[in-house]
Amino acid sequence: MSKPPGAPVFFDVDGVLLDSLPQHLAMCSDKAREYGLELQVPDLQQFRRMVASGVKVSPMLDFFLAIGFPPHLARQAVDAYESEFAQRYPSHLFAGIDLMLQRLRIAGHPMGLVTSNIAANVEPPLRAVMANFDPHCLFYLDRYHPPRSKSWCLAEGARVLGAKPQDCVFVGDQPADAAAAREGGWMFLGVSYGWGLLADDPAARIVDSPAQIADAILGP
C-alpha cells in the first residue's frame, strides 16, 4: 500500500483516532436506565462482533437502534448525545496517534477527516492534533444538511485536493467504512483496535496499531 508524497489520507475518527467505544456504551447503559428500558448493553467484545457481522451502528441513531432502543427513544437519545456526550463522556486519543500523524504530515501526505459524528464531539479531544488536517477536508456529520454519505465525502475530498480517488487512502474501523471507500474509489486501510474489524478479515488490509498505519502508507 506504500503511497508517494502527496497522496491524501483521510481518517474515520471514533475507533481510529479516538478511543471512544467504552464511553459510547456507557452512555447507552445510562440512557437505557434513565428511560426505564430493560436492555442488555453489549460489552466491548460483543459489540465489536456485532459490527464485524455487518450491524450498522453509525450515525448514532443506528447505534441506539442496534442496542435495542425503540425508535422514539433512540431519537431522544440522539438529542441527548449531541448535547451531553462531549462533556459527560470525554474521549481520548489512542496512544501513538500524534506521532503517526506527524510522520504522515512530514512525508507530505495531506490529511482529512470523514466521520459520522458531529464536530462538537470530535474536535475537543482532537485539539492537540487538529493542525495536521486540511481545514477544507473536515467532513463531520453536521457539515451538510442533510448529511452526506461517507463515500460522497471521500469523493469530495479528492476533488478538493485535486487527487485521483485511486491514489487516496481511507483509514477506518468498520465494514461500512470499507464499503464507503469502495464506493468512493479509494483504497481502504482498516484497524483492528477500533469498533468492528477483525484482524484476520480477508476482505481488507488490517493493521493493529497507529504506528502500523504510518508503516503501511509510507512503506519500507
N, C-alpha and C. Protein backbone atom coordinates (compact mmCIF):
# COMPACT_ATOMS: atom_id res chain seq x y z
N MET A 1 0.82 -1.21 0.00
CA MET A 1 0.00 0.00 0.00
C MET A 1 0.84 1.25 0.00
N SER A 2 2.14 1.16 0.01
CA SER A 2 3.01 2.32 0.07
C SER A 2 2.56 3.39 -0.93
N LYS A 3 2.35 4.62 -0.43
CA LYS A 3 1.85 5.71 -1.26
C LYS A 3 2.88 6.83 -1.34
N PRO A 4 3.02 7.46 -2.50
CA PRO A 4 4.01 8.53 -2.66
C PRO A 4 3.56 9.80 -1.94
N PRO A 5 4.50 10.72 -1.67
CA PRO A 5 4.11 12.01 -1.08
C PRO A 5 3.05 12.69 -1.93
N GLY A 6 2.12 13.35 -1.27
CA GLY A 6 1.02 14.00 -1.98
C GLY A 6 -0.24 13.18 -2.03
N ALA A 7 -0.16 11.88 -1.73
CA ALA A 7 -1.36 11.03 -1.73
C ALA A 7 -2.18 11.34 -0.48
N PRO A 8 -3.44 11.74 -0.63
CA PRO A 8 -4.26 12.07 0.54
C PRO A 8 -4.56 10.84 1.41
N VAL A 9 -4.63 11.07 2.69
CA VAL A 9 -5.01 10.05 3.66
C VAL A 9 -6.10 10.66 4.55
N PHE A 10 -7.29 10.07 4.52
CA PHE A 10 -8.39 10.52 5.35
C PHE A 10 -8.68 9.47 6.42
N PHE A 11 -9.20 9.95 7.55
CA PHE A 11 -9.44 9.08 8.70
C PHE A 11 -10.89 9.17 9.17
N ASP A 12 -11.47 8.01 9.47
CA ASP A 12 -12.62 7.99 10.36
C ASP A 12 -12.08 8.39 11.74
N VAL A 13 -12.94 8.78 12.65
CA VAL A 13 -12.47 9.33 13.92
C VAL A 13 -12.66 8.35 15.08
N ASP A 14 -13.93 8.05 15.43
CA ASP A 14 -14.17 7.16 16.57
C ASP A 14 -13.68 5.76 16.24
N GLY A 15 -12.81 5.22 17.09
CA GLY A 15 -12.28 3.89 16.89
C GLY A 15 -11.02 3.84 16.04
N VAL A 16 -10.66 4.97 15.43
CA VAL A 16 -9.42 5.05 14.65
C VAL A 16 -8.45 6.03 15.30
N LEU A 17 -8.92 7.25 15.54
CA LEU A 17 -8.12 8.25 16.22
C LEU A 17 -8.48 8.36 17.70
N LEU A 18 -9.78 8.24 17.98
CA LEU A 18 -10.25 8.40 19.36
C LEU A 18 -10.70 7.07 19.96
N ASP A 19 -10.23 6.83 21.17
CA ASP A 19 -10.67 5.67 21.96
C ASP A 19 -11.98 6.07 22.64
N SER A 20 -13.10 5.77 21.99
CA SER A 20 -14.39 6.30 22.46
C SER A 20 -15.48 5.25 22.59
N LEU A 21 -15.20 4.00 22.23
CA LEU A 21 -16.26 2.99 22.31
C LEU A 21 -16.72 2.74 23.75
N PRO A 22 -15.83 2.63 24.74
CA PRO A 22 -16.33 2.43 26.11
C PRO A 22 -17.27 3.55 26.55
N GLN A 23 -16.96 4.79 26.15
CA GLN A 23 -17.80 5.91 26.54
C GLN A 23 -19.17 5.84 25.85
N HIS A 24 -19.19 5.42 24.58
CA HIS A 24 -20.47 5.29 23.89
C HIS A 24 -21.35 4.21 24.54
N LEU A 25 -20.74 3.10 24.90
CA LEU A 25 -21.51 2.04 25.54
C LEU A 25 -21.98 2.46 26.93
N ALA A 26 -21.14 3.23 27.63
CA ALA A 26 -21.54 3.72 28.95
C ALA A 26 -22.74 4.65 28.84
N MET A 27 -22.74 5.52 27.83
CA MET A 27 -23.89 6.40 27.65
C MET A 27 -25.14 5.59 27.33
N CYS A 28 -25.00 4.56 26.49
CA CYS A 28 -26.14 3.71 26.19
C CYS A 28 -26.72 3.09 27.46
N SER A 29 -25.85 2.58 28.32
CA SER A 29 -26.32 1.99 29.58
C SER A 29 -27.04 3.02 30.44
N ASP A 30 -26.46 4.23 30.52
CA ASP A 30 -27.07 5.27 31.34
C ASP A 30 -28.43 5.68 30.80
N LYS A 31 -28.54 5.84 29.48
CA LYS A 31 -29.80 6.26 28.89
C LYS A 31 -30.86 5.15 28.99
N ALA A 32 -30.43 3.90 28.84
CA ALA A 32 -31.39 2.80 28.98
C ALA A 32 -32.00 2.81 30.38
N ARG A 33 -31.17 3.02 31.39
CA ARG A 33 -31.70 3.09 32.77
C ARG A 33 -32.61 4.31 32.93
N GLU A 34 -32.17 5.45 32.39
CA GLU A 34 -32.96 6.68 32.52
C GLU A 34 -34.33 6.53 31.87
N TYR A 35 -34.39 5.81 30.76
CA TYR A 35 -35.65 5.65 30.03
C TYR A 35 -36.45 4.43 30.49
N GLY A 36 -35.92 3.72 31.49
CA GLY A 36 -36.64 2.56 32.01
C GLY A 36 -36.63 1.37 31.08
N LEU A 37 -35.60 1.24 30.28
CA LEU A 37 -35.50 0.13 29.33
C LEU A 37 -34.71 -1.02 29.96
N GLU A 38 -35.22 -2.21 29.83
CA GLU A 38 -34.51 -3.39 30.32
C GLU A 38 -33.71 -3.99 29.16
N LEU A 39 -32.55 -3.40 28.92
CA LEU A 39 -31.69 -3.81 27.82
C LEU A 39 -30.40 -4.39 28.35
N GLN A 40 -29.87 -5.37 27.64
CA GLN A 40 -28.55 -5.90 27.94
C GLN A 40 -27.56 -5.24 26.97
N VAL A 41 -26.94 -4.15 27.42
CA VAL A 41 -25.99 -3.45 26.56
C VAL A 41 -24.75 -4.33 26.40
N PRO A 42 -24.29 -4.57 25.17
CA PRO A 42 -23.15 -5.46 24.97
C PRO A 42 -21.87 -4.90 25.57
N ASP A 43 -20.96 -5.79 25.92
CA ASP A 43 -19.64 -5.32 26.33
C ASP A 43 -18.81 -5.04 25.07
N LEU A 44 -17.56 -4.64 25.26
CA LEU A 44 -16.73 -4.22 24.12
C LEU A 44 -16.61 -5.31 23.07
N GLN A 45 -16.29 -6.53 23.49
CA GLN A 45 -16.06 -7.59 22.52
C GLN A 45 -17.36 -8.02 21.84
N GLN A 46 -18.44 -8.06 22.60
CA GLN A 46 -19.73 -8.38 21.99
C GLN A 46 -20.12 -7.35 20.94
N PHE A 47 -19.90 -6.09 21.27
CA PHE A 47 -20.23 -5.02 20.33
C PHE A 47 -19.38 -5.12 19.08
N ARG A 48 -18.09 -5.37 19.24
CA ARG A 48 -17.21 -5.47 18.08
C ARG A 48 -17.62 -6.62 17.17
N ARG A 49 -18.04 -7.71 17.78
CA ARG A 49 -18.51 -8.83 16.94
C ARG A 49 -19.79 -8.45 16.20
N MET A 50 -20.68 -7.70 16.84
CA MET A 50 -21.88 -7.23 16.17
C MET A 50 -21.52 -6.42 14.93
N VAL A 51 -20.61 -5.47 15.11
CA VAL A 51 -20.25 -4.59 13.99
C VAL A 51 -19.55 -5.38 12.90
N ALA A 52 -18.65 -6.28 13.29
CA ALA A 52 -17.94 -7.09 12.31
C ALA A 52 -18.90 -7.95 11.49
N SER A 53 -20.04 -8.31 12.09
CA SER A 53 -21.03 -9.13 11.37
C SER A 53 -21.86 -8.32 10.39
N GLY A 54 -21.70 -6.99 10.42
CA GLY A 54 -22.42 -6.14 9.48
C GLY A 54 -23.52 -5.29 10.08
N VAL A 55 -23.70 -5.32 11.40
CA VAL A 55 -24.71 -4.48 12.04
C VAL A 55 -24.31 -3.02 11.90
N LYS A 56 -25.22 -2.18 11.43
CA LYS A 56 -24.94 -0.76 11.20
C LYS A 56 -25.07 0.00 12.52
N VAL A 57 -24.02 0.73 12.89
CA VAL A 57 -24.03 1.43 14.18
C VAL A 57 -23.67 2.90 14.07
N SER A 58 -23.62 3.43 12.87
CA SER A 58 -23.39 4.85 12.73
C SER A 58 -24.20 5.37 11.54
N PRO A 59 -24.73 6.61 11.69
CA PRO A 59 -24.59 7.53 12.83
C PRO A 59 -25.30 7.03 14.08
N MET A 60 -25.39 7.90 15.09
CA MET A 60 -25.79 7.44 16.41
C MET A 60 -27.22 6.92 16.48
N LEU A 61 -28.10 7.36 15.61
CA LEU A 61 -29.44 6.78 15.61
C LEU A 61 -29.35 5.28 15.39
N ASP A 62 -28.50 4.87 14.46
CA ASP A 62 -28.33 3.44 14.20
C ASP A 62 -27.69 2.74 15.40
N PHE A 63 -26.80 3.42 16.09
CA PHE A 63 -26.16 2.85 17.28
C PHE A 63 -27.22 2.49 18.33
N PHE A 64 -28.06 3.46 18.67
CA PHE A 64 -29.08 3.21 19.69
C PHE A 64 -30.08 2.15 19.23
N LEU A 65 -30.45 2.18 17.97
CA LEU A 65 -31.37 1.16 17.46
C LEU A 65 -30.73 -0.23 17.53
N ALA A 66 -29.44 -0.33 17.21
CA ALA A 66 -28.76 -1.61 17.24
C ALA A 66 -28.70 -2.18 18.66
N ILE A 67 -28.60 -1.30 19.65
CA ILE A 67 -28.56 -1.74 21.04
C ILE A 67 -29.93 -2.21 21.51
N GLY A 68 -31.00 -1.74 20.85
CA GLY A 68 -32.34 -2.17 21.21
C GLY A 68 -33.29 -1.07 21.65
N PHE A 69 -32.88 0.19 21.54
CA PHE A 69 -33.77 1.29 21.87
C PHE A 69 -34.92 1.33 20.85
N PRO A 70 -36.16 1.51 21.30
CA PRO A 70 -37.25 1.72 20.34
C PRO A 70 -37.03 3.03 19.59
N PRO A 71 -37.55 3.16 18.37
CA PRO A 71 -37.23 4.33 17.54
C PRO A 71 -37.45 5.68 18.22
N HIS A 72 -38.57 5.87 18.94
CA HIS A 72 -38.82 7.19 19.52
C HIS A 72 -37.82 7.52 20.61
N LEU A 73 -37.39 6.50 21.38
CA LEU A 73 -36.40 6.75 22.42
C LEU A 73 -35.00 6.82 21.82
N ALA A 74 -34.76 6.14 20.72
CA ALA A 74 -33.46 6.27 20.04
C ALA A 74 -33.27 7.71 19.56
N ARG A 75 -34.32 8.31 19.01
CA ARG A 75 -34.23 9.70 18.56
C ARG A 75 -34.01 10.64 19.75
N GLN A 76 -34.68 10.35 20.86
CA GLN A 76 -34.49 11.16 22.06
C GLN A 76 -33.06 11.02 22.57
N ALA A 77 -32.52 9.81 22.51
CA ALA A 77 -31.15 9.57 22.96
C ALA A 77 -30.14 10.29 22.07
N VAL A 78 -30.42 10.38 20.76
CA VAL A 78 -29.52 11.12 19.86
C VAL A 78 -29.47 12.59 20.25
N ASP A 79 -30.62 13.17 20.56
CA ASP A 79 -30.64 14.57 21.00
C ASP A 79 -29.79 14.75 22.25
N ALA A 80 -29.91 13.82 23.20
CA ALA A 80 -29.10 13.89 24.41
C ALA A 80 -27.63 13.70 24.10
N TYR A 81 -27.34 12.79 23.18
CA TYR A 81 -25.95 12.53 22.78
C TYR A 81 -25.29 13.81 22.25
N GLU A 82 -26.00 14.52 21.41
CA GLU A 82 -25.41 15.71 20.79
C GLU A 82 -25.16 16.81 21.80
N SER A 83 -25.92 16.86 22.87
CA SER A 83 -25.75 17.93 23.86
C SER A 83 -24.92 17.51 25.07
N GLU A 84 -24.82 16.19 25.33
CA GLU A 84 -24.20 15.75 26.58
C GLU A 84 -22.89 14.99 26.41
N PHE A 85 -22.71 14.32 25.28
CA PHE A 85 -21.63 13.33 25.20
C PHE A 85 -20.26 13.92 25.47
N ALA A 86 -19.91 15.02 24.80
CA ALA A 86 -18.56 15.57 24.91
C ALA A 86 -18.22 15.94 26.34
N GLN A 87 -19.20 16.45 27.09
CA GLN A 87 -18.94 16.89 28.46
C GLN A 87 -18.96 15.73 29.45
N ARG A 88 -19.89 14.80 29.29
CA ARG A 88 -20.07 13.75 30.30
C ARG A 88 -19.28 12.48 30.03
N TYR A 89 -18.89 12.28 28.77
CA TYR A 89 -18.20 11.03 28.40
C TYR A 89 -16.98 11.35 27.53
N PRO A 90 -16.01 12.05 28.05
CA PRO A 90 -14.88 12.51 27.22
C PRO A 90 -14.08 11.35 26.63
N SER A 91 -13.71 11.52 25.37
CA SER A 91 -12.90 10.54 24.65
C SER A 91 -11.45 10.99 24.65
N HIS A 92 -10.57 10.05 24.27
CA HIS A 92 -9.13 10.34 24.29
C HIS A 92 -8.47 9.77 23.05
N LEU A 93 -7.37 10.39 22.65
CA LEU A 93 -6.58 9.87 21.54
C LEU A 93 -5.99 8.51 21.91
N PHE A 94 -6.01 7.58 20.96
CA PHE A 94 -5.25 6.35 21.15
C PHE A 94 -3.77 6.70 21.25
N ALA A 95 -3.03 5.93 22.02
CA ALA A 95 -1.59 6.14 22.13
C ALA A 95 -0.93 6.01 20.77
N GLY A 96 -0.09 6.96 20.44
CA GLY A 96 0.66 6.91 19.19
C GLY A 96 0.03 7.64 18.03
N ILE A 97 -1.19 8.18 18.20
CA ILE A 97 -1.85 8.88 17.10
C ILE A 97 -1.07 10.12 16.70
N ASP A 98 -0.60 10.89 17.68
CA ASP A 98 0.12 12.12 17.36
C ASP A 98 1.36 11.85 16.54
N LEU A 99 2.13 10.84 16.90
CA LEU A 99 3.35 10.51 16.17
C LEU A 99 3.02 10.00 14.78
N MET A 100 1.99 9.16 14.65
CA MET A 100 1.60 8.65 13.34
C MET A 100 1.22 9.79 12.40
N LEU A 101 0.41 10.72 12.88
CA LEU A 101 0.01 11.85 12.04
C LEU A 101 1.20 12.73 11.68
N GLN A 102 2.08 12.91 12.62
CA GLN A 102 3.29 13.71 12.35
C GLN A 102 4.13 13.06 11.25
N ARG A 103 4.28 11.75 11.30
CA ARG A 103 5.06 11.05 10.28
C ARG A 103 4.44 11.24 8.90
N LEU A 104 3.13 11.12 8.81
CA LEU A 104 2.46 11.28 7.52
C LEU A 104 2.55 12.72 7.03
N ARG A 105 2.41 13.68 7.93
CA ARG A 105 2.48 15.09 7.52
C ARG A 105 3.87 15.43 7.02
N ILE A 106 4.90 15.00 7.73
CA ILE A 106 6.27 15.29 7.32
C ILE A 106 6.58 14.65 5.98
N ALA A 107 5.97 13.49 5.72
CA ALA A 107 6.19 12.80 4.45
C ALA A 107 5.40 13.42 3.30
N GLY A 108 4.59 14.43 3.59
CA GLY A 108 3.90 15.15 2.52
C GLY A 108 2.52 14.66 2.17
N HIS A 109 1.85 13.97 3.08
CA HIS A 109 0.51 13.47 2.81
C HIS A 109 -0.54 14.43 3.37
N PRO A 110 -1.36 15.06 2.50
CA PRO A 110 -2.47 15.85 3.02
C PRO A 110 -3.48 14.94 3.70
N MET A 111 -4.10 15.42 4.78
CA MET A 111 -4.97 14.56 5.58
C MET A 111 -6.30 15.23 5.85
N GLY A 112 -7.33 14.40 6.02
CA GLY A 112 -8.66 14.89 6.32
C GLY A 112 -9.40 13.93 7.22
N LEU A 113 -10.62 14.31 7.61
CA LEU A 113 -11.48 13.52 8.48
C LEU A 113 -12.81 13.28 7.79
N VAL A 114 -13.32 12.06 7.88
CA VAL A 114 -14.66 11.73 7.43
C VAL A 114 -15.31 10.91 8.53
N THR A 115 -16.30 11.50 9.21
CA THR A 115 -16.88 10.85 10.38
C THR A 115 -18.39 11.00 10.41
N SER A 116 -19.06 10.03 11.01
CA SER A 116 -20.50 10.11 11.24
C SER A 116 -20.82 10.77 12.56
N ASN A 117 -19.83 11.40 13.19
CA ASN A 117 -20.05 12.14 14.43
C ASN A 117 -20.10 13.63 14.11
N ILE A 118 -20.48 14.42 15.10
CA ILE A 118 -20.60 15.87 14.90
C ILE A 118 -19.31 16.56 15.37
N ALA A 119 -19.08 17.75 14.84
CA ALA A 119 -17.84 18.47 15.14
C ALA A 119 -17.65 18.69 16.64
N ALA A 120 -18.72 19.01 17.36
CA ALA A 120 -18.61 19.34 18.79
C ALA A 120 -18.13 18.15 19.61
N ASN A 121 -18.33 16.93 19.12
CA ASN A 121 -17.91 15.75 19.87
C ASN A 121 -16.50 15.31 19.55
N VAL A 122 -15.98 15.68 18.38
CA VAL A 122 -14.67 15.16 17.99
C VAL A 122 -13.57 16.21 18.02
N GLU A 123 -13.89 17.47 17.78
CA GLU A 123 -12.81 18.47 17.75
C GLU A 123 -12.15 18.69 19.10
N PRO A 124 -12.90 18.74 20.22
CA PRO A 124 -12.21 18.95 21.50
C PRO A 124 -11.18 17.86 21.83
N PRO A 125 -11.51 16.56 21.74
CA PRO A 125 -10.48 15.57 22.05
C PRO A 125 -9.38 15.48 20.99
N LEU A 126 -9.63 16.00 19.79
CA LEU A 126 -8.61 16.01 18.74
C LEU A 126 -7.77 17.29 18.73
N ARG A 127 -8.02 18.17 19.68
CA ARG A 127 -7.42 19.50 19.63
C ARG A 127 -5.91 19.46 19.43
N ALA A 128 -5.24 18.56 20.09
CA ALA A 128 -3.77 18.53 20.04
C ALA A 128 -3.23 18.13 18.68
N VAL A 129 -4.08 17.52 17.82
CA VAL A 129 -3.59 17.05 16.53
C VAL A 129 -4.33 17.67 15.35
N MET A 130 -5.26 18.61 15.59
CA MET A 130 -6.07 19.16 14.51
C MET A 130 -5.26 19.88 13.45
N ALA A 131 -4.10 20.42 13.81
CA ALA A 131 -3.29 21.16 12.84
C ALA A 131 -2.77 20.27 11.72
N ASN A 132 -2.83 18.95 11.91
CA ASN A 132 -2.36 18.04 10.86
C ASN A 132 -3.34 17.93 9.69
N PHE A 133 -4.59 18.36 9.88
CA PHE A 133 -5.63 18.12 8.88
C PHE A 133 -5.91 19.37 8.06
N ASP A 134 -6.14 19.16 6.77
CA ASP A 134 -6.52 20.26 5.89
C ASP A 134 -7.89 20.78 6.33
N PRO A 135 -8.01 22.07 6.65
CA PRO A 135 -9.30 22.58 7.15
C PRO A 135 -10.43 22.48 6.13
N HIS A 136 -10.10 22.29 4.85
CA HIS A 136 -11.13 22.13 3.83
C HIS A 136 -11.61 20.68 3.71
N CYS A 137 -10.97 19.79 4.47
CA CYS A 137 -11.26 18.36 4.35
C CYS A 137 -11.71 17.78 5.69
N LEU A 138 -12.55 18.52 6.40
CA LEU A 138 -13.09 18.07 7.68
C LEU A 138 -14.57 17.80 7.47
N PHE A 139 -14.91 16.54 7.23
CA PHE A 139 -16.27 16.16 6.89
C PHE A 139 -16.95 15.54 8.10
N TYR A 140 -17.68 16.38 8.85
CA TYR A 140 -18.44 15.95 10.01
C TYR A 140 -19.89 15.67 9.60
N LEU A 141 -20.60 14.95 10.43
CA LEU A 141 -22.00 14.65 10.14
C LEU A 141 -22.81 15.92 9.97
N ASP A 142 -22.48 16.96 10.75
CA ASP A 142 -23.28 18.18 10.72
C ASP A 142 -22.69 19.26 9.81
N ARG A 143 -21.77 18.89 8.93
CA ARG A 143 -21.24 19.89 8.00
C ARG A 143 -22.26 20.25 6.93
N TYR A 144 -23.04 19.25 6.50
CA TYR A 144 -24.04 19.46 5.46
C TYR A 144 -25.43 19.11 5.99
N HIS A 145 -26.42 19.78 5.46
CA HIS A 145 -27.81 19.49 5.82
C HIS A 145 -28.61 19.31 4.54
N PRO A 146 -29.13 18.10 4.29
CA PRO A 146 -28.99 16.90 5.12
C PRO A 146 -27.58 16.33 5.05
N PRO A 147 -27.20 15.46 5.99
CA PRO A 147 -25.86 14.87 6.00
C PRO A 147 -25.57 14.10 4.71
N ARG A 148 -24.30 14.10 4.31
CA ARG A 148 -23.85 13.37 3.13
C ARG A 148 -23.24 12.03 3.55
N SER A 149 -23.24 11.08 2.63
CA SER A 149 -22.65 9.77 2.92
C SER A 149 -21.13 9.89 2.99
N LYS A 150 -20.52 8.92 3.63
CA LYS A 150 -19.06 8.92 3.70
C LYS A 150 -18.44 8.79 2.30
N SER A 151 -19.05 8.00 1.43
CA SER A 151 -18.50 7.85 0.09
C SER A 151 -18.54 9.18 -0.65
N TRP A 152 -19.63 9.95 -0.47
CA TRP A 152 -19.71 11.27 -1.09
C TRP A 152 -18.61 12.19 -0.54
N CYS A 153 -18.41 12.15 0.78
CA CYS A 153 -17.39 13.00 1.40
C CYS A 153 -15.99 12.64 0.90
N LEU A 154 -15.72 11.35 0.72
CA LEU A 154 -14.42 10.95 0.19
C LEU A 154 -14.23 11.47 -1.23
N ALA A 155 -15.26 11.33 -2.05
CA ALA A 155 -15.17 11.84 -3.42
C ALA A 155 -14.96 13.35 -3.43
N GLU A 156 -15.65 14.05 -2.55
CA GLU A 156 -15.50 15.50 -2.48
C GLU A 156 -14.10 15.87 -1.97
N GLY A 157 -13.58 15.11 -1.01
CA GLY A 157 -12.23 15.38 -0.52
C GLY A 157 -11.19 15.23 -1.61
N ALA A 158 -11.31 14.20 -2.43
CA ALA A 158 -10.39 14.02 -3.54
C ALA A 158 -10.49 15.19 -4.52
N ARG A 159 -11.73 15.62 -4.77
CA ARG A 159 -11.92 16.75 -5.69
C ARG A 159 -11.27 18.01 -5.14
N VAL A 160 -11.50 18.29 -3.86
CA VAL A 160 -10.93 19.49 -3.23
C VAL A 160 -9.41 19.50 -3.34
N LEU A 161 -8.81 18.35 -3.17
CA LEU A 161 -7.35 18.25 -3.19
C LEU A 161 -6.78 18.02 -4.59
N GLY A 162 -7.66 17.88 -5.57
CA GLY A 162 -7.19 17.64 -6.93
C GLY A 162 -6.50 16.31 -7.10
N ALA A 163 -6.98 15.30 -6.38
CA ALA A 163 -6.36 13.98 -6.40
C ALA A 163 -7.26 12.96 -7.08
N LYS A 164 -6.67 11.95 -7.65
CA LYS A 164 -7.44 10.84 -8.19
C LYS A 164 -7.85 9.93 -7.03
N PRO A 165 -9.13 9.53 -6.96
CA PRO A 165 -9.57 8.69 -5.84
C PRO A 165 -8.72 7.45 -5.64
N GLN A 166 -8.28 6.83 -6.72
CA GLN A 166 -7.50 5.59 -6.59
C GLN A 166 -6.13 5.82 -5.95
N ASP A 167 -5.71 7.07 -5.84
CA ASP A 167 -4.44 7.39 -5.19
C ASP A 167 -4.61 7.70 -3.71
N CYS A 168 -5.86 7.73 -3.23
CA CYS A 168 -6.17 8.15 -1.86
C CYS A 168 -6.42 6.95 -0.96
N VAL A 169 -6.22 7.14 0.34
CA VAL A 169 -6.41 6.08 1.33
C VAL A 169 -7.38 6.57 2.41
N PHE A 170 -8.36 5.73 2.72
CA PHE A 170 -9.27 6.00 3.84
C PHE A 170 -9.00 4.97 4.92
N VAL A 171 -8.75 5.45 6.14
CA VAL A 171 -8.46 4.58 7.27
C VAL A 171 -9.70 4.50 8.15
N GLY A 172 -10.24 3.29 8.34
CA GLY A 172 -11.47 3.13 9.10
C GLY A 172 -11.44 1.90 9.97
N ASP A 173 -12.55 1.68 10.70
CA ASP A 173 -12.59 0.58 11.66
C ASP A 173 -13.88 -0.21 11.60
N GLN A 174 -14.69 -0.02 10.53
CA GLN A 174 -15.94 -0.76 10.40
C GLN A 174 -16.11 -1.25 8.97
N PRO A 175 -16.85 -2.35 8.78
CA PRO A 175 -17.15 -2.77 7.42
C PRO A 175 -17.80 -1.66 6.59
N ALA A 176 -18.60 -0.82 7.22
CA ALA A 176 -19.23 0.28 6.49
C ALA A 176 -18.19 1.26 5.97
N ASP A 177 -17.08 1.43 6.68
CA ASP A 177 -16.01 2.30 6.19
C ASP A 177 -15.35 1.71 4.95
N ALA A 178 -15.14 0.40 4.98
CA ALA A 178 -14.57 -0.26 3.80
C ALA A 178 -15.50 -0.12 2.60
N ALA A 179 -16.81 -0.24 2.83
CA ALA A 179 -17.77 -0.09 1.75
C ALA A 179 -17.76 1.33 1.21
N ALA A 180 -17.65 2.34 2.09
CA ALA A 180 -17.60 3.73 1.65
C ALA A 180 -16.37 3.98 0.79
N ALA A 181 -15.24 3.41 1.19
CA ALA A 181 -14.02 3.56 0.39
C ALA A 181 -14.20 2.96 -1.00
N ARG A 182 -14.78 1.77 -1.05
CA ARG A 182 -15.01 1.14 -2.35
C ARG A 182 -15.93 1.99 -3.23
N GLU A 183 -17.00 2.50 -2.62
CA GLU A 183 -17.94 3.31 -3.38
C GLU A 183 -17.30 4.60 -3.89
N GLY A 184 -16.38 5.17 -3.10
CA GLY A 184 -15.72 6.40 -3.50
C GLY A 184 -14.51 6.18 -4.37
N GLY A 185 -14.15 4.91 -4.61
CA GLY A 185 -12.99 4.61 -5.42
C GLY A 185 -11.67 4.75 -4.71
N TRP A 186 -11.70 4.82 -3.36
CA TRP A 186 -10.49 4.98 -2.56
C TRP A 186 -9.94 3.62 -2.14
N MET A 187 -8.65 3.57 -1.84
CA MET A 187 -8.08 2.41 -1.16
C MET A 187 -8.50 2.45 0.31
N PHE A 188 -8.60 1.28 0.92
CA PHE A 188 -9.03 1.20 2.31
C PHE A 188 -7.96 0.53 3.16
N LEU A 189 -7.73 1.11 4.34
CA LEU A 189 -6.86 0.52 5.34
C LEU A 189 -7.64 0.43 6.63
N GLY A 190 -7.80 -0.78 7.17
CA GLY A 190 -8.57 -0.98 8.38
C GLY A 190 -7.70 -1.11 9.61
N VAL A 191 -8.29 -0.80 10.77
CA VAL A 191 -7.59 -1.00 12.05
C VAL A 191 -8.36 -2.01 12.88
N SER A 192 -7.63 -2.89 13.55
CA SER A 192 -8.26 -3.95 14.33
C SER A 192 -8.59 -3.53 15.75
N TYR A 193 -8.10 -2.35 16.18
CA TYR A 193 -8.28 -1.93 17.57
C TYR A 193 -9.53 -1.08 17.77
N GLY A 194 -10.33 -0.90 16.71
CA GLY A 194 -11.47 0.01 16.79
C GLY A 194 -12.78 -0.67 17.09
N TRP A 195 -13.83 -0.29 16.36
CA TRP A 195 -15.19 -0.69 16.69
C TRP A 195 -15.64 -1.99 16.05
N GLY A 196 -14.99 -2.46 14.98
CA GLY A 196 -15.61 -3.64 14.38
C GLY A 196 -14.94 -4.25 13.18
N LEU A 197 -13.62 -4.29 13.12
CA LEU A 197 -12.92 -5.05 12.09
C LEU A 197 -12.05 -6.09 12.77
N LEU A 198 -12.10 -7.30 12.28
CA LEU A 198 -11.31 -8.39 12.85
C LEU A 198 -9.94 -8.43 12.19
N ALA A 199 -8.93 -8.73 12.99
CA ALA A 199 -7.56 -8.72 12.49
C ALA A 199 -7.35 -9.67 11.33
N ASP A 200 -8.11 -10.76 11.29
CA ASP A 200 -7.94 -11.75 10.22
C ASP A 200 -8.96 -11.60 9.10
N ASP A 201 -9.60 -10.43 9.00
CA ASP A 201 -10.58 -10.20 7.95
C ASP A 201 -9.90 -10.30 6.58
N PRO A 202 -10.30 -11.26 5.74
CA PRO A 202 -9.63 -11.44 4.46
C PRO A 202 -10.02 -10.39 3.42
N ALA A 203 -11.05 -9.59 3.72
CA ALA A 203 -11.57 -8.65 2.73
C ALA A 203 -10.85 -7.31 2.74
N ALA A 204 -9.94 -7.09 3.69
CA ALA A 204 -9.32 -5.77 3.80
C ALA A 204 -7.91 -5.89 4.36
N ARG A 205 -7.08 -4.91 4.08
CA ARG A 205 -5.78 -4.79 4.71
C ARG A 205 -6.02 -4.23 6.11
N ILE A 206 -5.59 -4.96 7.13
CA ILE A 206 -5.85 -4.58 8.52
C ILE A 206 -4.53 -4.40 9.25
N VAL A 207 -4.41 -3.32 10.02
CA VAL A 207 -3.24 -3.12 10.88
C VAL A 207 -3.70 -3.07 12.33
N ASP A 208 -2.75 -3.22 13.23
CA ASP A 208 -3.09 -3.42 14.64
C ASP A 208 -2.74 -2.24 15.55
N SER A 209 -2.17 -1.17 15.01
CA SER A 209 -1.77 -0.05 15.86
C SER A 209 -1.64 1.21 15.02
N PRO A 210 -1.66 2.38 15.65
CA PRO A 210 -1.43 3.62 14.91
C PRO A 210 -0.09 3.64 14.20
N ALA A 211 0.94 3.12 14.83
CA ALA A 211 2.25 3.11 14.18
C ALA A 211 2.21 2.33 12.87
N GLN A 212 1.44 1.23 12.86
CA GLN A 212 1.36 0.42 11.65
C GLN A 212 0.57 1.11 10.54
N ILE A 213 -0.29 2.09 10.89
CA ILE A 213 -0.95 2.88 9.85
C ILE A 213 0.11 3.60 9.03
N ALA A 214 1.00 4.32 9.72
CA ALA A 214 2.06 5.05 9.03
C ALA A 214 2.97 4.09 8.28
N ASP A 215 3.30 2.96 8.88
CA ASP A 215 4.18 1.99 8.22
C ASP A 215 3.56 1.52 6.90
N ALA A 216 2.25 1.24 6.92
CA ALA A 216 1.58 0.72 5.73
C ALA A 216 1.56 1.76 4.62
N ILE A 217 1.37 3.02 4.96
CA ILE A 217 1.26 4.07 3.96
C ILE A 217 2.62 4.54 3.47
N LEU A 218 3.58 4.63 4.37
CA LEU A 218 4.90 5.12 4.00
C LEU A 218 5.77 4.04 3.36
N GLY A 219 5.50 2.77 3.71
CA GLY A 219 6.29 1.68 3.16
C GLY A 219 7.65 1.58 3.82
N PRO A 220 8.46 0.63 3.31
CA PRO A 220 9.77 0.42 3.91
C PRO A 220 10.70 1.60 3.72
